[in-house]
Amino acid sequence: MKQKIFKAKWIVRGVRNRDEADILENGALLERDGVIIDVGPFDEIERRYPGTEVYGSNDQIILPGFVNSHHHVGMTPLQMGSPDHPLELWFASRMSSRDLDRYLDTLYSAFEMIASGITTVQHIHGWMPGPLAAIHSTSQQVLKAYRDIGMRASYCYAVREQNRLVYEPDEDFVARLPADLAPSVAAHLKKQEIPFEDNLALYDSLVKENEGHSLTRIQLAPSNLHWCSDNALTELNARSEREQAPMHMHLLETAYQKEYARRRTGTTAVKHLARLGLLGPRLTIGHGVWLTEEDIELAAHSGTCICHNCSSNFRLRSGVAPLNAFEAKGMTVGIGLDEAGINDDRDMLQEMRMVLRAHRAPGMDDSVPTCPQVLRMATEHGAMTTPFGKDIGRLDPGRLADFVMINHRKALWPYQDDDIPILDAVMQRAKTAAVDATVVGGEVIYENGRFTRVDRDQILNEIAERLSQPRTPEEEQRIKMAHAVFPHVKRFYEGYLDGEKREPFYAPSSRV
């Protein structure tokens, strides 16, 4: 049996409501074998558990570990050569990305997340060439990286059956390309094609292999409406219901996706999912920028979760999600950093401030985000979008001992007026330099700028060395192909939103 007392000037156990957090002053928590056993005033905790090692000081404030509810890759698209195009063009631009070992790639972003207090990530994988064995091997590399560094991760491989480059069948788009370009694009898209049954087999294998691992869990991911047939959505939902596995699905990220849903279904994407039976607490909608008022009402009534990706929506010109409407309906809303935050990194402290500021609608009504509300999004509500659920997200007895220790003296130096609540002050002023420690399952995995399990400098040097090598012939070919296909992708969307094209771009698929 291993146990430790963690003390701090303030312990934020969780959030009571949008205006009030549950904060204990001069507090401590006792963790035993990775689980919180007791929380209370430090003097009482120390008296109840004499001789127990004490970690922390009055220089710190402890908050529940943050949850990045929507994440994809390590090295960012910008780092790998793709600027911030609108989403639909970005898919073409990213075809030119360099190849990098996924273990190293995953550790790169894990370093950034953990250093900002993120203890759990929802890793949504996809866009990888088959066959199944290759995808399975890559999935194992990602999971190993999180286990090695000591971070919690919910992993899912995104199912994509169709429309891999634009919002119409691959073969129809390729057929209109120039003869000297069509074969290479067709071959590239073909490499990413695996039978639907292989997606389920991958999920089954990963679930079985994950048995006995406390840091990682597996869930399902129908990638988006335009990427999945109705039969696939129905089958994935049946599997989710049978095994009580959560699903994370990109939806209505852009106005183009809203129009695609109208053309395909004759209604909205959310109403279509409702008809298929997918809405409910097991489903998280990633982005949800273009939900209508009726969609929001329907999603809220069903208990469907939302993941708000604020920085990504700004960077890719997707729009501003109606967060205030989500919150007014009492929806479970998490925060995701997606490919990268506004500064091309994975800084949850910064992202929380972005969410706090981006939705300050004009006027004097008390409807804009508050610090407790945003913290709940980044902790308890984010946890509910993953299989970890109520195991994390708050600092209560029985929950896993996942938290971040921020040095409030560093964060608030040289002065902070006491009239500002301590949570508000820390959330609005703390930078990653003030993160003294990140703790997962009672283990300090990051302390004073150093990772305790993995040598960050060694990993970064290895990444730099590998990417300093000349591009492979395949990488060079992808760069040329991406540049050549880009204008054709852009041309496909001309008039897409203004009524110039009204022919259907979707043929119902009989595939499961």
Protein backbone atom coordinates (compact mmCIF):
# COMPACT_ATOMS: atom_id res chain seq x y z
CA MET A 1 0.00 0.00 0.00
CA LYS A 2 1.36 3.40 -1.03
CA GLN A 3 -0.09 6.65 0.18
CA LYS A 4 0.85 10.31 0.23
CA ILE A 5 -0.58 13.59 1.49
CA PHE A 6 -0.72 16.48 -0.98
CA LYS A 7 -1.15 19.89 0.62
CA ALA A 8 -1.79 23.38 -0.77
CA LYS A 9 -2.96 26.83 0.22
CA TRP A 10 -6.14 26.12 -1.75
CA ILE A 11 -7.65 22.90 -3.11
CA VAL A 12 -10.30 23.34 -5.79
CA ARG A 13 -12.33 20.17 -5.40
CA GLY A 14 -14.65 20.98 -8.29
CA VAL A 15 -17.37 23.36 -9.39
CA ARG A 16 -20.76 23.83 -7.69
CA ASN A 17 -22.35 26.02 -10.37
CA ARG A 18 -21.37 28.58 -12.99
CA ASP A 19 -20.59 31.15 -10.30
CA GLU A 20 -19.09 29.11 -7.50
CA ALA A 21 -16.30 26.57 -7.06
CA ASP A 22 -15.84 24.18 -4.14
CA ILE A 23 -12.57 25.49 -2.65
CA LEU A 24 -10.88 24.32 0.52
CA GLU A 25 -8.33 26.71 2.07
CA ASN A 26 -5.24 25.34 3.80
CA GLY A 27 -6.31 21.92 2.62
CA ALA A 28 -4.87 18.53 1.86
CA LEU A 29 -5.85 15.29 0.20
CA LEU A 30 -4.68 11.79 0.92
CA GLU A 31 -4.20 9.46 -2.02
CA ARG A 32 -3.70 5.75 -1.61
CA ASP A 33 -2.70 3.53 -4.53
CA GLY A 34 -3.73 6.23 -6.96
CA VAL A 35 -7.17 6.94 -5.49
CA ILE A 36 -8.26 9.90 -3.35
CA ILE A 37 -9.17 8.57 0.09
CA ASP A 38 -9.70 11.74 2.09
CA VAL A 39 -9.89 15.51 1.60
CA GLY A 40 -9.96 18.13 4.33
CA PRO A 41 -8.02 20.74 6.31
CA PHE A 42 -4.32 19.93 6.30
CA ASP A 43 -4.04 19.77 10.09
CA GLU A 44 -6.83 17.19 10.27
CA ILE A 45 -5.51 15.08 7.38
CA GLU A 46 -2.00 15.05 8.87
CA ARG A 47 -3.40 14.05 12.27
CA ARG A 48 -5.53 11.24 10.82
CA TYR A 49 -2.62 9.76 8.85
CA PRO A 50 0.48 10.21 11.03
CA GLY A 51 3.86 9.47 9.47
CA THR A 52 2.57 9.84 5.90
CA GLU A 53 4.83 11.66 3.45
CA VAL A 54 3.65 15.21 2.71
CA TYR A 55 4.10 16.79 -0.74
CA GLY A 56 3.34 20.41 -1.59
CA SER A 57 3.30 23.75 0.20
CA ASN A 58 1.27 26.88 0.85
CA ASP A 59 2.75 28.32 -2.36
CA GLN A 60 0.41 26.16 -4.41
CA ILE A 61 -3.19 25.77 -5.47
CA ILE A 62 -4.40 22.30 -6.50
CA LEU A 63 -6.99 21.93 -9.26
CA PRO A 64 -8.47 18.78 -10.83
CA GLY A 65 -6.39 17.58 -13.76
CA PHE A 66 -7.47 19.08 -17.06
CA VAL A 67 -9.01 16.96 -19.82
CA ASN A 68 -8.19 17.65 -23.47
CA SER A 69 -11.38 16.24 -24.95
CA HIS A 70 -10.37 16.34 -28.63
CA HIS A 71 -6.84 15.65 -29.89
CA HIS A 72 -5.31 14.10 -33.01
CA VAL A 73 -1.56 14.44 -33.56
CA GLY A 74 1.74 15.40 -31.98
CA MET A 75 3.71 17.59 -34.40
CA THR A 76 1.25 20.23 -35.58
CA PRO A 77 0.13 20.63 -39.21
CA LEU A 78 1.87 24.02 -39.30
CA GLN A 79 5.13 22.43 -38.17
CA MET A 80 4.74 19.80 -40.87
CA GLY A 81 4.13 22.29 -43.67
CA SER A 82 0.38 22.93 -43.76
CA PRO A 83 -0.83 26.49 -43.03
CA ASP A 84 -4.22 27.28 -41.50
CA HIS A 85 -6.46 26.95 -44.54
CA PRO A 86 -10.23 26.63 -44.14
CA LEU A 87 -10.93 23.06 -43.04
CA GLU A 88 -12.03 21.67 -46.41
CA LEU A 89 -8.86 22.95 -48.11
CA TRP A 90 -6.72 21.95 -45.15
CA PHE A 91 -7.41 18.27 -45.87
CA ALA A 92 -5.69 18.65 -49.24
CA SER A 93 -2.83 20.70 -47.85
CA ARG A 94 -2.09 18.11 -45.17
CA MET A 95 -1.49 15.37 -47.70
CA SER A 96 2.09 16.67 -47.87
CA SER A 97 2.90 16.05 -44.20
CA ARG A 98 6.19 14.34 -43.29
CA ASP A 99 6.22 10.81 -41.87
CA LEU A 100 7.23 10.48 -38.22
CA ASP A 101 7.27 7.55 -35.82
CA ARG A 102 3.96 7.79 -33.93
CA TYR A 103 5.51 6.99 -30.58
CA LEU A 104 7.77 10.04 -30.84
CA ASP A 105 4.99 12.12 -32.34
CA THR A 106 2.61 11.31 -29.49
CA LEU A 107 5.19 12.11 -26.82
CA TYR A 108 5.79 15.51 -28.41
CA SER A 109 2.26 16.74 -27.74
CA ALA A 110 2.06 14.86 -24.43
CA PHE A 111 4.97 16.99 -23.17
CA GLU A 112 3.02 20.15 -23.97
CA MET A 113 -0.25 18.90 -22.52
CA ILE A 114 1.18 17.68 -19.23
CA ALA A 115 3.21 20.87 -18.75
CA SER A 116 -0.05 22.85 -18.84
CA GLY A 117 -1.83 20.58 -16.34
CA ILE A 118 -3.60 18.19 -18.71
CA THR A 119 -3.80 14.73 -17.16
CA THR A 120 -6.22 13.04 -19.60
CA VAL A 121 -6.56 13.25 -23.38
CA GLN A 122 -9.14 12.01 -25.86
CA HIS A 123 -6.91 10.85 -28.72
CA ILE A 124 -8.95 10.52 -31.93
CA HIS A 125 -6.78 8.75 -34.48
CA GLY A 126 -7.30 8.35 -38.18
CA TRP A 127 -6.16 9.31 -41.66
CA MET A 128 -3.63 6.46 -41.72
CA PRO A 129 -2.81 4.11 -44.58
CA GLY A 130 -3.88 0.49 -44.19
CA PRO A 131 -3.91 -2.41 -44.07
CA LEU A 132 -5.39 -3.26 -40.67
CA ALA A 133 -2.09 -4.64 -39.35
CA ALA A 134 -0.32 -1.33 -40.03
CA ILE A 135 -3.06 0.69 -38.35
CA HIS A 136 -3.08 -1.67 -35.39
CA SER A 137 0.68 -1.32 -34.98
CA THR A 138 0.46 2.47 -35.09
CA SER A 139 -2.36 2.47 -32.52
CA GLN A 140 -0.18 0.44 -30.18
CA GLN A 141 2.64 2.98 -30.56
CA VAL A 142 0.30 5.81 -29.54
CA LEU A 143 -1.04 3.95 -26.52
CA LYS A 144 2.46 2.96 -25.42
CA ALA A 145 3.59 6.59 -25.51
CA TYR A 146 0.84 7.66 -23.13
CA ARG A 147 1.46 4.74 -20.80
CA ASP A 148 5.21 5.40 -20.77
CA ILE A 149 4.86 9.07 -19.91
CA GLY A 150 2.18 8.32 -17.30
CA MET A 151 -0.73 10.23 -18.84
CA ARG A 152 -4.31 9.00 -19.11
CA ALA A 153 -5.68 8.59 -22.61
CA SER A 154 -8.94 7.54 -24.16
CA TYR A 155 -8.10 6.22 -27.63
CA CYS A 156 -10.34 5.76 -30.64
CA TYR A 157 -9.70 5.15 -34.31
CA ALA A 158 -11.98 7.27 -36.49
CA VAL A 159 -14.07 5.30 -38.98
CA ARG A 160 -13.98 6.75 -42.50
CA GLU A 161 -15.71 4.88 -45.30
CA GLN A 162 -16.21 7.47 -48.01
CA ASN A 163 -15.74 11.06 -49.25
CA ARG A 164 -12.14 11.12 -48.01
CA LEU A 165 -11.05 14.32 -49.76
CA VAL A 166 -14.19 16.30 -50.60
CA TYR A 167 -17.87 15.93 -49.81
CA GLU A 168 -18.64 13.49 -52.60
CA PRO A 169 -17.55 9.90 -53.39
CA ASP A 170 -13.82 9.53 -53.97
CA GLU A 171 -14.28 7.98 -57.39
CA ASP A 172 -16.50 10.84 -58.62
CA PHE A 173 -14.00 13.49 -57.58
CA VAL A 174 -11.03 11.58 -59.00
CA ALA A 175 -12.85 11.09 -62.31
CA ARG A 176 -12.84 14.86 -62.91
CA LEU A 177 -9.13 15.33 -62.19
CA PRO A 178 -6.57 15.71 -65.01
CA ALA A 179 -5.28 12.44 -66.39
CA ASP A 180 -1.76 13.07 -65.07
CA LEU A 181 -3.04 13.65 -61.50
CA ALA A 182 -5.97 11.27 -61.08
CA PRO A 183 -3.98 8.00 -60.66
CA SER A 184 -1.78 9.31 -57.83
CA VAL A 185 -4.74 10.81 -55.93
CA ALA A 186 -6.78 7.64 -56.41
CA ALA A 187 -3.89 5.53 -55.10
CA HIS A 188 -3.41 7.82 -52.10
CA LEU A 189 -7.09 7.60 -51.13
CA LYS A 190 -7.14 3.86 -51.75
CA LYS A 191 -4.36 3.33 -49.20
CA GLN A 192 -6.59 4.77 -46.49
CA GLU A 193 -9.47 2.46 -47.33
CA ILE A 194 -10.08 -0.51 -45.05
CA PRO A 195 -13.25 -2.61 -44.80
CA PHE A 196 -15.71 -1.45 -42.15
CA GLU A 197 -15.38 -4.82 -40.45
CA ASP A 198 -11.66 -4.11 -39.95
CA ASN A 199 -12.56 -1.02 -37.93
CA LEU A 200 -14.61 -3.14 -35.56
CA ALA A 201 -11.86 -5.77 -35.43
CA LEU A 202 -9.36 -3.04 -34.50
CA TYR A 203 -11.63 -1.83 -31.70
CA ASP A 204 -12.09 -5.37 -30.38
CA SER A 205 -8.34 -6.05 -30.45
CA LEU A 206 -7.47 -2.81 -28.68
CA VAL A 207 -10.10 -3.39 -25.99
CA LYS A 208 -8.74 -6.85 -25.30
CA GLU A 209 -5.11 -5.71 -25.29
CA ASN A 210 -5.96 -2.82 -22.99
CA GLU A 211 -7.16 -5.12 -20.21
CA GLY A 212 -5.11 -4.51 -17.08
CA HIS A 213 -3.97 -1.03 -18.14
CA SER A 214 -5.19 1.69 -15.80
CA LEU A 215 -4.00 4.68 -17.84
CA THR A 216 -5.68 3.94 -21.15
CA ARG A 217 -9.21 3.12 -22.29
CA ILE A 218 -10.73 2.53 -25.72
CA GLN A 219 -13.84 4.05 -27.25
CA LEU A 220 -15.52 4.41 -30.65
CA ALA A 221 -15.41 7.20 -33.24
CA PRO A 222 -17.69 7.56 -36.25
CA SER A 223 -15.52 10.30 -37.73
CA ASN A 224 -18.18 12.57 -39.29
CA LEU A 225 -21.46 12.37 -41.16
CA HIS A 226 -19.88 12.81 -44.57
CA TRP A 227 -17.31 10.09 -43.83
CA CYS A 228 -19.76 7.42 -42.65
CA SER A 229 -22.72 5.65 -44.23
CA ASP A 230 -25.96 5.34 -42.27
CA ASN A 231 -25.37 1.62 -41.93
CA ALA A 232 -21.98 2.26 -40.35
CA LEU A 233 -23.43 4.83 -37.95
CA THR A 234 -26.16 2.40 -36.93
CA GLU A 235 -23.71 -0.46 -36.40
CA LEU A 236 -21.29 1.67 -34.38
CA ASN A 237 -24.15 2.89 -32.23
CA ALA A 238 -25.29 -0.67 -31.61
CA ARG A 239 -21.78 -1.63 -30.55
CA SER A 240 -21.59 1.45 -28.32
CA GLU A 241 -24.88 0.61 -26.64
CA ARG A 242 -24.02 -3.06 -26.19
CA GLU A 243 -20.65 -2.34 -24.58
CA GLN A 244 -21.48 1.06 -23.05
CA ALA A 245 -18.56 2.54 -24.92
CA PRO A 246 -18.66 6.30 -25.58
CA MET A 247 -18.50 7.65 -29.13
CA HIS A 248 -16.83 10.87 -30.30
CA MET A 249 -17.97 12.27 -33.64
CA HIS A 250 -16.92 15.40 -35.51
CA LEU A 251 -20.08 17.18 -36.61
CA LEU A 252 -21.05 20.52 -38.12
CA GLU A 253 -17.58 21.96 -37.85
CA THR A 254 -18.15 24.18 -40.89
CA ALA A 255 -21.00 25.66 -42.92
CA TYR A 256 -20.02 23.28 -45.73
CA GLN A 257 -20.74 20.31 -43.47
CA LYS A 258 -24.12 21.81 -42.61
CA GLU A 259 -24.94 22.08 -46.31
CA TYR A 260 -23.68 18.55 -46.96
CA ALA A 261 -26.06 17.23 -44.31
CA ARG A 262 -28.98 19.08 -45.92
CA ARG A 263 -28.19 17.62 -49.33
CA ARG A 264 -27.72 14.12 -48.02
CA THR A 265 -30.56 13.89 -45.51
CA GLY A 266 -33.01 16.65 -46.32
CA THR A 267 -32.71 17.88 -42.74
CA THR A 268 -30.00 18.82 -40.25
CA ALA A 269 -27.16 16.52 -39.24
CA VAL A 270 -28.39 16.43 -35.64
CA LYS A 271 -31.94 15.54 -36.61
CA HIS A 272 -30.59 12.81 -38.86
CA LEU A 273 -28.52 11.35 -36.01
CA ALA A 274 -31.62 11.49 -33.83
CA ARG A 275 -33.53 9.45 -36.41
CA LEU A 276 -30.73 6.89 -36.38
CA GLY A 277 -30.80 6.74 -32.57
CA LEU A 278 -27.27 8.08 -31.97
CA LEU A 279 -28.06 11.03 -29.72
CA GLY A 280 -27.59 10.55 -26.00
CA PRO A 281 -24.98 10.76 -23.21
CA ARG A 282 -22.74 8.19 -24.94
CA LEU A 283 -22.22 10.54 -27.91
CA THR A 284 -19.94 13.57 -27.94
CA ILE A 285 -20.26 15.99 -30.83
CA GLY A 286 -16.88 17.48 -31.68
CA HIS A 287 -17.09 21.17 -32.69
CA GLY A 288 -20.86 21.60 -33.24
CA VAL A 289 -20.29 25.11 -34.55
CA TRP A 290 -23.28 25.13 -36.91
CA LEU A 291 -26.03 23.62 -34.77
CA THR A 292 -29.40 25.33 -35.18
CA GLU A 293 -31.57 26.34 -32.22
CA GLU A 294 -33.65 23.22 -32.80
CA ASP A 295 -30.49 21.10 -32.96
CA ILE A 296 -29.32 22.49 -29.64
CA GLU A 297 -32.68 21.78 -28.04
CA LEU A 298 -32.66 18.24 -29.39
CA ALA A 299 -29.08 17.54 -28.32
CA ALA A 300 -29.62 19.03 -24.87
CA HIS A 301 -32.84 17.10 -24.28
CA SER A 302 -31.12 13.82 -25.22
CA GLY A 303 -28.10 14.46 -22.95
CA THR A 304 -25.67 14.52 -25.88
CA CYS A 305 -22.25 15.98 -25.01
CA ILE A 306 -20.36 18.69 -26.88
CA CYS A 307 -16.62 19.24 -27.24
CA HIS A 308 -15.79 22.90 -27.83
CA ASN A 309 -12.62 23.43 -29.89
CA CYS A 310 -12.30 27.19 -29.66
CA SER A 311 -8.81 27.80 -31.03
CA SER A 312 -9.23 25.33 -33.88
CA ASN A 313 -12.50 26.94 -34.94
CA PHE A 314 -10.75 30.33 -35.12
CA ARG A 315 -7.67 29.06 -36.90
CA LEU A 316 -9.55 27.16 -39.62
CA ARG A 317 -12.24 29.84 -40.10
CA SER A 318 -14.95 27.39 -39.06
CA GLY A 319 -16.97 29.91 -37.04
CA VAL A 320 -17.79 30.53 -33.39
CA ALA A 321 -19.68 27.78 -31.59
CA PRO A 322 -22.82 28.86 -29.69
CA LEU A 323 -21.29 28.05 -26.31
CA ASN A 324 -23.55 30.37 -24.35
CA ALA A 325 -26.59 28.59 -25.78
CA PHE A 326 -25.09 25.19 -24.91
CA GLU A 327 -24.51 26.33 -21.34
CA ALA A 328 -27.96 27.90 -21.03
CA LYS A 329 -29.42 24.48 -21.86
CA GLY A 330 -27.27 22.79 -19.22
CA MET A 331 -25.35 20.66 -21.73
CA THR A 332 -22.21 18.71 -20.85
CA VAL A 333 -19.48 20.64 -22.69
CA GLY A 334 -15.79 19.75 -22.71
CA ILE A 335 -12.80 21.62 -24.15
CA GLY A 336 -10.57 20.26 -26.91
CA LEU A 337 -7.29 21.60 -28.27
CA ASP A 338 -7.75 19.67 -31.52
CA GLU A 339 -4.63 19.81 -33.72
CA ALA A 340 -3.18 22.74 -31.75
CA GLY A 341 -4.16 25.85 -29.81
CA ILE A 342 -3.97 29.47 -30.87
CA ASN A 343 -0.18 29.55 -30.31
CA ASP A 344 0.34 26.25 -32.13
CA ASP A 345 0.79 24.31 -28.91
CA ARG A 346 -1.32 22.38 -26.37
CA ASP A 347 -1.65 24.82 -23.50
CA MET A 348 -4.91 24.24 -21.62
CA LEU A 349 -4.36 27.24 -19.33
CA GLN A 350 -4.31 29.43 -22.40
CA GLU A 351 -7.22 27.62 -24.05
CA MET A 352 -9.41 28.14 -20.99
CA ARG A 353 -8.74 31.88 -21.24
CA MET A 354 -9.58 31.74 -24.94
CA VAL A 355 -12.94 30.12 -24.16
CA LEU A 356 -13.53 32.62 -21.36
CA ARG A 357 -12.95 35.59 -23.66
CA ALA A 358 -14.27 34.46 -27.04
CA HIS A 359 -17.91 34.26 -25.96
CA ARG A 360 -18.31 37.60 -24.19
CA ALA A 361 -21.35 38.70 -26.17
CA PRO A 362 -22.14 42.43 -26.16
CA GLY A 363 -24.51 43.67 -23.47
CA MET A 364 -24.86 43.43 -19.72
CA ASP A 365 -26.77 40.17 -19.35
CA ASP A 366 -25.14 37.62 -17.06
CA SER A 367 -24.81 34.98 -19.77
CA VAL A 368 -21.11 34.98 -20.67
CA PRO A 369 -18.70 32.29 -19.51
CA THR A 370 -17.37 32.44 -15.96
CA CYS A 371 -14.15 30.99 -14.55
CA PRO A 372 -15.90 28.19 -12.60
CA GLN A 373 -17.94 27.32 -15.68
CA VAL A 374 -14.87 27.10 -17.93
CA LEU A 375 -12.97 25.09 -15.32
CA ARG A 376 -15.86 22.61 -15.21
CA MET A 377 -15.64 22.30 -18.98
CA ALA A 378 -11.92 21.52 -18.74
CA THR A 379 -12.34 19.01 -15.91
CA GLU A 380 -15.59 17.36 -14.85
CA HIS A 381 -17.49 17.85 -18.10
CA GLY A 382 -14.48 16.93 -20.21
CA ALA A 383 -14.19 13.72 -18.20
CA MET A 384 -17.78 12.81 -19.08
CA THR A 385 -16.89 12.78 -22.79
CA THR A 386 -14.44 9.92 -22.16
CA PRO A 387 -14.72 6.39 -20.78
CA PHE A 388 -13.16 7.62 -17.51
CA GLY A 389 -16.37 9.48 -16.70
CA LYS A 390 -16.83 10.04 -12.98
CA ASP A 391 -13.49 8.40 -12.13
CA ILE A 392 -11.80 11.77 -12.78
CA GLY A 393 -12.73 15.44 -13.07
CA ARG A 394 -13.19 16.28 -9.38
CA LEU A 395 -11.07 15.88 -6.26
CA ASP A 396 -13.48 13.79 -4.19
CA PRO A 397 -12.85 10.59 -2.21
CA GLY A 398 -13.15 7.58 -4.50
CA ARG A 399 -11.99 9.41 -7.62
CA LEU A 400 -8.59 8.95 -9.20
CA ALA A 401 -5.86 11.22 -7.84
CA ASP A 402 -5.30 13.30 -10.98
CA PHE A 403 -4.55 16.98 -10.44
CA VAL A 404 -2.29 19.93 -11.24
CA MET A 405 -0.38 21.96 -8.67
CA ILE A 406 0.05 25.61 -9.70
CA ASN A 407 2.33 27.97 -7.83
CA HIS A 408 0.02 30.89 -7.13
CA ARG A 409 2.92 33.09 -6.01
CA LYS A 410 4.60 32.70 -9.40
CA ALA A 411 1.30 33.05 -11.24
CA LEU A 412 0.17 36.20 -9.43
CA TRP A 413 3.49 37.95 -8.82
CA PRO A 414 4.04 40.80 -8.01
CA TYR A 415 0.52 41.54 -6.76
CA GLN A 416 -3.07 40.39 -6.88
CA ASP A 417 -5.90 42.09 -5.00
CA ASP A 418 -7.75 39.78 -2.61
CA ASP A 419 -11.15 41.00 -3.83
CA ILE A 420 -10.69 38.84 -6.93
CA PRO A 421 -11.56 35.20 -6.15
CA ILE A 422 -8.43 33.07 -6.16
CA LEU A 423 -9.77 30.75 -8.89
CA ASP A 424 -10.54 33.70 -11.17
CA ALA A 425 -7.10 35.19 -10.57
CA VAL A 426 -5.20 31.97 -11.23
CA MET A 427 -7.21 30.96 -14.30
CA GLN A 428 -6.79 34.37 -15.89
CA ARG A 429 -3.12 34.89 -15.03
CA ALA A 430 -1.34 31.54 -14.63
CA LYS A 431 1.10 30.50 -17.36
CA THR A 432 2.72 27.09 -17.78
CA ALA A 433 5.83 28.36 -15.96
CA ALA A 434 3.70 28.40 -12.80
CA VAL A 435 2.84 24.68 -13.06
CA ASP A 436 4.91 23.11 -10.28
CA ALA A 437 3.62 19.56 -10.70
CA THR A 438 1.21 17.40 -12.65
CA VAL A 439 -0.02 14.30 -10.84
CA VAL A 440 -1.73 11.24 -12.35
CA GLY A 441 -2.93 8.44 -10.10
CA GLY A 442 -1.01 9.95 -7.21
CA GLU A 443 2.26 9.83 -9.17
CA VAL A 444 4.11 13.06 -9.91
CA ILE A 445 4.81 12.74 -13.63
CA TYR A 446 5.95 16.34 -14.13
CA GLU A 447 7.80 18.41 -11.56
CA ASN A 448 9.51 21.80 -11.83
CA GLY A 449 9.83 21.58 -15.59
CA ARG A 450 11.07 17.98 -15.67
CA PHE A 451 9.24 14.84 -16.75
CA THR A 452 9.87 12.07 -14.27
CA ARG A 453 9.37 9.08 -16.61
CA VAL A 454 10.67 10.21 -20.00
CA ASP A 455 13.67 12.31 -21.01
CA ARG A 456 12.13 15.17 -22.98
CA ASP A 457 15.41 16.48 -24.38
CA GLN A 458 16.32 13.06 -25.71
CA ILE A 459 12.96 12.64 -27.45
CA LEU A 460 13.00 16.13 -28.95
CA ASN A 461 16.54 15.63 -30.22
CA GLU A 462 15.51 12.36 -31.83
CA ILE A 463 12.55 14.06 -33.53
CA ALA A 464 14.80 16.85 -34.77
CA GLU A 465 17.32 14.35 -36.12
CA ARG A 466 14.72 12.30 -37.98
CA LEU A 467 13.02 15.31 -39.55
CA SER A 468 16.37 16.83 -40.55
CA GLN A 469 16.88 13.96 -42.98
CA PRO A 470 16.01 14.49 -46.65
CA ARG A 471 12.43 13.75 -47.58
CA THR A 472 11.77 10.27 -48.88
CA PRO A 473 10.65 9.82 -52.50
CA GLU A 474 7.14 9.07 -51.21
CA GLU A 475 7.07 12.27 -49.18
CA GLU A 476 8.26 14.27 -52.20
CA GLN A 477 5.54 12.69 -54.31
CA ARG A 478 2.87 13.62 -51.75
CA ILE A 479 4.02 17.24 -51.71
CA LYS A 480 3.67 17.49 -55.48
CA MET A 481 0.29 15.76 -55.36
CA ALA A 482 -1.00 18.04 -52.59
CA HIS A 483 -0.03 21.17 -54.50
CA ALA A 484 -1.54 19.83 -57.72
CA VAL A 485 -4.86 18.73 -56.22
CA PHE A 486 -5.38 21.80 -54.02
CA PRO A 487 -6.99 24.04 -56.70
CA HIS A 488 -9.31 21.21 -57.74
CA VAL A 489 -10.49 20.78 -54.15
CA LYS A 490 -11.08 24.51 -53.90
CA ARG A 491 -13.01 24.51 -57.17
CA PHE A 492 -15.29 21.75 -55.88
CA TYR A 493 -16.62 24.04 -53.16
CA GLU A 494 -17.22 27.07 -55.36
CA GLY A 495 -20.91 27.89 -55.09
CA TYR A 496 -21.47 25.09 -52.57
CA LEU A 497 -23.17 27.41 -50.11
CA ASP A 498 -25.01 29.80 -52.42
CA GLY A 499 -27.42 27.53 -54.24
CA GLU A 500 -25.48 27.24 -57.51
CA LYS A 501 -25.19 23.48 -57.02
CA ARG A 502 -28.26 21.56 -56.01
CA GLU A 503 -27.54 18.12 -57.39
CA PRO A 504 -27.08 15.48 -54.68
CA PHE A 505 -23.48 14.78 -53.74
CA TYR A 506 -24.28 11.64 -51.80
CA ALA A 507 -25.42 8.24 -52.92
CA PRO A 508 -26.71 6.11 -50.01
CA SER A 509 -24.34 3.25 -49.36
CA SER A 510 -25.39 -0.31 -48.64
CA ARG A 511 -22.09 -0.99 -46.95
CA VAL A 512 -22.02 -1.60 -43.21
